[in-house]
Amino acid sequence: MRFISVLLGTAVLFGLEAPQAHAGYFDDWYKGIEQFSDLPNEVYKLKEDYQATLDELDQAKSNAQAYQEQNAQLVQQNEKLTAMVSDLRKAQEERDAYARRIKAMLFTVIGLIIGYFILTRLVRYGMRRRSHRGYRKE
């Protein structure tokens, strides 16, 4: 009997110290209603975010289209500039070739003039020598 009373006393002691569990039906019910009442606000916020995302997407599309148009214009400008640079190079090459021809012609004319004077001097020198020999022979 003593054993049973000790066992029963121990059970009562441990039973009193254990925290009581609360079911919390009303708290759960209140939180559920609160979450359910917040749903329209969350849906509205999601709709606003969705609309903002759509607006950003439309803006990004228009920006991309503007960039494509600008890129096409830049490509056309680049082609025009490339053609212009090519034309300028050709014109510069033609001027350089003309300048080379003028230089060659100028050097040729100078060479011919110098050659003419040298040839004239040589002919005169040769004629003087011959004429002086003729006077000596007689």
C-alpha atoms as a PDB file:
ATOM      1  CA  MET A   1       0.000   0.000   0.000  1.00  0.00           C
ATOM      2  CA  ARG A   2       2.796   2.233   0.735  1.00  0.00           C
ATOM      3  CA  PHE A   3       4.183   1.679  -2.691  1.00  0.00           C
ATOM      4  CA  ILE A   4       0.896   2.684  -4.307  1.00  0.00           C
ATOM      5  CA  SER A   5       0.651   5.840  -2.219  1.00  0.00           C
ATOM      6  CA  VAL A   6       4.213   6.846  -3.163  1.00  0.00           C
ATOM      7  CA  LEU A   7       3.456   6.190  -6.774  1.00  0.00           C
ATOM      8  CA  LEU A   8       0.231   8.148  -6.585  1.00  0.00           C
ATOM      9  CA  GLY A   9       1.984  11.049  -4.801  1.00  0.00           C
ATOM     10  CA  THR A  10       4.679  11.168  -7.433  1.00  0.00           C
ATOM     11  CA  ALA A  11       2.128  11.187 -10.218  1.00  0.00           C
ATOM     12  CA  VAL A  12       0.242  14.042  -8.547  1.00  0.00           C
ATOM     13  CA  LEU A  13       3.463  16.042  -8.127  1.00  0.00           C
ATOM     14  CA  PHE A  14       4.498  15.624 -11.751  1.00  0.00           C
ATOM     15  CA  GLY A  15       0.936  16.257 -12.885  1.00  0.00           C
ATOM     16  CA  LEU A  16       0.737  19.567 -11.060  1.00  0.00           C
ATOM     17  CA  GLU A  17       4.031  20.839 -12.403  1.00  0.00           C
ATOM     18  CA  ALA A  18       3.272  20.067 -16.043  1.00  0.00           C
ATOM     19  CA  PRO A  19       2.052  23.104 -18.056  1.00  0.00           C
ATOM     20  CA  GLN A  20      -1.447  22.928 -19.214  1.00  0.00           C
ATOM     21  CA  ALA A  21      -2.051  22.797 -22.948  1.00  0.00           C
ATOM     22  CA  HIS A  22      -4.324  25.432 -24.401  1.00  0.00           C
ATOM     23  CA  ALA A  23      -6.366  24.538 -27.387  1.00  0.00           C
ATOM     24  CA  GLY A  24      -6.438  28.117 -28.677  1.00  0.00           C
ATOM     25  CA  TYR A  25      -9.531  27.674 -30.775  1.00  0.00           C
ATOM     26  CA  PHE A  26     -10.477  31.312 -30.568  1.00  0.00           C
ATOM     27  CA  ASP A  27      -6.943  32.519 -31.308  1.00  0.00           C
ATOM     28  CA  ASP A  28      -6.683  30.252 -34.346  1.00  0.00           C
ATOM     29  CA  TRP A  29     -10.127  31.279 -35.522  1.00  0.00           C
ATOM     30  CA  TYR A  30      -9.284  34.989 -35.088  1.00  0.00           C
ATOM     31  CA  LYS A  31      -5.960  34.615 -36.926  1.00  0.00           C
ATOM     32  CA  GLY A  32      -7.694  32.751 -39.762  1.00  0.00           C
ATOM     33  CA  ILE A  33     -10.314  35.504 -40.119  1.00  0.00           C
ATOM     34  CA  GLU A  34      -7.570  38.147 -39.938  1.00  0.00           C
ATOM     35  CA  GLN A  35      -5.585  36.401 -42.683  1.00  0.00           C
ATOM     36  CA  PHE A  36      -8.743  35.962 -44.760  1.00  0.00           C
ATOM     37  CA  SER A  37      -9.586  39.665 -44.380  1.00  0.00           C
ATOM     38  CA  ASP A  38      -6.024  40.576 -45.457  1.00  0.00           C
ATOM     39  CA  LEU A  39      -6.361  38.569 -48.681  1.00  0.00           C
ATOM     40  CA  PRO A  40      -8.056  41.369 -50.676  1.00  0.00           C
ATOM     41  CA  ASN A  41      -5.262  43.758 -49.705  1.00  0.00           C
ATOM     42  CA  GLU A  42      -2.638  41.233 -50.785  1.00  0.00           C
ATOM     43  CA  VAL A  43      -4.487  40.585 -54.058  1.00  0.00           C
ATOM     44  CA  TYR A  44      -4.708  44.346 -54.666  1.00  0.00           C
ATOM     45  CA  LYS A  45      -0.994  44.700 -53.925  1.00  0.00           C
ATOM     46  CA  LEU A  46      -0.211  41.820 -56.307  1.00  0.00           C
ATOM     47  CA  LYS A  47      -2.344  43.479 -59.018  1.00  0.00           C
ATOM     48  CA  GLU A  48      -0.482  46.759 -58.521  1.00  0.00           C
ATOM     49  CA  ASP A  49       2.866  44.973 -58.698  1.00  0.00           C
ATOM     50  CA  TYR A  50       1.725  43.119 -61.821  1.00  0.00           C
ATOM     51  CA  GLN A  51       0.604  46.381 -63.455  1.00  0.00           C
ATOM     52  CA  ALA A  52       3.888  48.070 -62.509  1.00  0.00           C
ATOM     53  CA  THR A  53       5.783  45.139 -64.000  1.00  0.00           C
ATOM     54  CA  LEU A  54       3.730  45.379 -67.200  1.00  0.00           C
ATOM     55  CA  ASP A  55       4.437  49.117 -67.390  1.00  0.00           C
ATOM     56  CA  GLU A  56       8.154  48.498 -66.923  1.00  0.00           C
ATOM     57  CA  LEU A  57       8.038  45.800 -69.600  1.00  0.00           C
ATOM     58  CA  ASP A  58       6.300  48.163 -72.029  1.00  0.00           C
ATOM     59  CA  GLN A  59       8.868  50.841 -71.273  1.00  0.00           C
ATOM     60  CA  ALA A  60      11.696  48.352 -71.792  1.00  0.00           C
ATOM     61  CA  LYS A  61      10.166  47.300 -75.116  1.00  0.00           C
ATOM     62  CA  SER A  62       9.873  50.910 -76.262  1.00  0.00           C
ATOM     63  CA  ASN A  63      13.446  51.571 -75.147  1.00  0.00           C
ATOM     64  CA  ALA A  64      14.625  48.497 -77.039  1.00  0.00           C
ATOM     65  CA  GLN A  65      12.747  49.641 -80.133  1.00  0.00           C
ATOM     66  CA  ALA A  66      14.263  53.140 -79.810  1.00  0.00           C
ATOM     67  CA  TYR A  67      17.723  51.602 -79.454  1.00  0.00           C
ATOM     68  CA  GLN A  68      17.130  49.466 -82.542  1.00  0.00           C
ATOM     69  CA  GLU A  69      16.063  52.510 -84.549  1.00  0.00           C
ATOM     70  CA  GLN A  70      19.040  54.481 -83.282  1.00  0.00           C
ATOM     71  CA  ASN A  71      21.317  51.558 -84.102  1.00  0.00           C
ATOM     72  CA  ALA A  72      19.937  51.404 -87.648  1.00  0.00           C
ATOM     73  CA  GLN A  73      20.552  55.144 -88.057  1.00  0.00           C
ATOM     74  CA  LEU A  74      24.083  54.750 -86.727  1.00  0.00           C
ATOM     75  CA  VAL A  75      24.718  51.894 -89.152  1.00  0.00           C
ATOM     76  CA  GLN A  76      23.575  54.108 -92.041  1.00  0.00           C
ATOM     77  CA  GLN A  77      25.767  56.958 -90.800  1.00  0.00           C
ATOM     78  CA  ASN A  78      28.682  54.555 -90.477  1.00  0.00           C
ATOM     79  CA  GLU A  79      28.185  53.377 -94.061  1.00  0.00           C
ATOM     80  CA  LYS A  80      28.051  56.995 -95.289  1.00  0.00           C
ATOM     81  CA  LEU A  81      31.174  57.871 -93.322  1.00  0.00           C
ATOM     82  CA  THR A  82      32.963  54.790 -94.637  1.00  0.00           C
ATOM     83  CA  ALA A  83      32.080  55.787 -98.212  1.00  0.00           C
ATOM     84  CA  MET A  84      33.199  59.353 -97.519  1.00  0.00           C
ATOM     85  CA  VAL A  85      36.503  58.161 -96.055  1.00  0.00           C
ATOM     86  CA  SER A  86      36.999  55.903 -99.054  1.00  0.00           C
ATOM     87  CA  ASP A  87      36.335  58.824-101.424  1.00  0.00           C
ATOM     88  CA  LEU A  88      38.726  61.037 -99.479  1.00  0.00           C
ATOM     89  CA  ARG A  89      41.423  58.348 -99.626  1.00  0.00           C
ATOM     90  CA  LYS A  90      40.960  58.002-103.365  1.00  0.00           C
ATOM     91  CA  ALA A  91      41.164  61.783-103.787  1.00  0.00           C
ATOM     92  CA  GLN A  92      44.308  61.894-101.642  1.00  0.00           C
ATOM     93  CA  GLU A  93      45.865  59.061-103.646  1.00  0.00           C
ATOM     94  CA  GLU A  94      45.040  60.905-106.870  1.00  0.00           C
ATOM     95  CA  ARG A  95      46.607  64.119-105.501  1.00  0.00           C
ATOM     96  CA  ASP A  96      49.678  62.174-104.411  1.00  0.00           C
ATOM     97  CA  ALA A  97      49.976  60.526-107.835  1.00  0.00           C
ATOM     98  CA  TYR A  98      49.583  63.924-109.527  1.00  0.00           C
ATOM     99  CA  ALA A  99      52.254  65.399-107.244  1.00  0.00           C
ATOM    100  CA  ARG A 100      54.609  62.484-108.095  1.00  0.00           C
ATOM    101  CA  ARG A 101      54.005  63.081-111.813  1.00  0.00           C
ATOM    102  CA  ILE A 102      54.676  66.806-111.411  1.00  0.00           C
ATOM    103  CA  LYS A 103      57.885  66.063-109.449  1.00  0.00           C
ATOM    104  CA  ALA A 104      59.032  63.563-112.074  1.00  0.00           C
ATOM    105  CA  MET A 105      58.246  66.024-114.856  1.00  0.00           C
ATOM    106  CA  LEU A 106      60.026  68.835-112.996  1.00  0.00           C
ATOM    107  CA  PHE A 107      63.132  66.705-112.406  1.00  0.00           C
ATOM    108  CA  THR A 108      63.047  65.603-116.039  1.00  0.00           C
ATOM    109  CA  VAL A 109      62.826  69.215-117.271  1.00  0.00           C
ATOM    110  CA  ILE A 110      65.620  70.295-114.915  1.00  0.00           C
ATOM    111  CA  GLY A 111      67.692  67.315-116.046  1.00  0.00           C
ATOM    112  CA  LEU A 112      67.080  68.159-119.713  1.00  0.00           C
ATOM    113  CA  ILE A 113      68.012  71.814-119.148  1.00  0.00           C
ATOM    114  CA  ILE A 114      71.176  70.838-117.271  1.00  0.00           C
ATOM    115  CA  GLY A 115      71.918  68.242-119.946  1.00  0.00           C
ATOM    116  CA  TYR A 116      71.397  70.829-122.669  1.00  0.00           C
ATOM    117  CA  PHE A 117      73.818  73.281-121.046  1.00  0.00           C
ATOM    118  CA  ILE A 118      76.382  70.550-120.432  1.00  0.00           C
ATOM    119  CA  LEU A 119      76.019  69.249-123.997  1.00  0.00           C
ATOM    120  CA  THR A 120      76.300  72.797-125.353  1.00  0.00           C
ATOM    121  CA  ARG A 121      79.449  73.386-123.298  1.00  0.00           C
ATOM    122  CA  LEU A 122      80.927  70.110-124.476  1.00  0.00           C
ATOM    123  CA  VAL A 123      80.168  70.892-128.107  1.00  0.00           C
ATOM    124  CA  ARG A 124      81.702  74.372-127.764  1.00  0.00           C
ATOM    125  CA  TYR A 125      84.719  72.955-126.002  1.00  0.00           C
ATOM    126  CA  GLY A 126      85.132  70.348-128.727  1.00  0.00           C
ATOM    127  CA  MET A 127      84.780  72.959-131.456  1.00  0.00           C
ATOM    128  CA  ARG A 128      87.352  75.239-129.834  1.00  0.00           C
ATOM    129  CA  ARG A 129      89.806  72.417-129.536  1.00  0.00           C
ATOM    130  CA  ARG A 130      89.412  71.524-133.152  1.00  0.00           C
ATOM    131  CA  SER A 131      89.666  75.084-134.218  1.00  0.00           C
ATOM    132  CA  HIS A 132      92.860  75.564-132.208  1.00  0.00           C
ATOM    133  CA  ARG A 133      94.369  72.427-133.762  1.00  0.00           C
ATOM    134  CA  GLY A 134      93.619  73.727-137.195  1.00  0.00           C
ATOM    135  CA  TYR A 135      95.543  76.895-136.519  1.00  0.00           C
ATOM    136  CA  ARG A 136      98.504  74.984-135.274  1.00  0.00           C
ATOM    137  CA  LYS A 137      98.731  72.733-138.321  1.00  0.00           C
ATOM    138  CA  GLU A 138      99.002  75.515-140.793  1.00  0.00           C
END
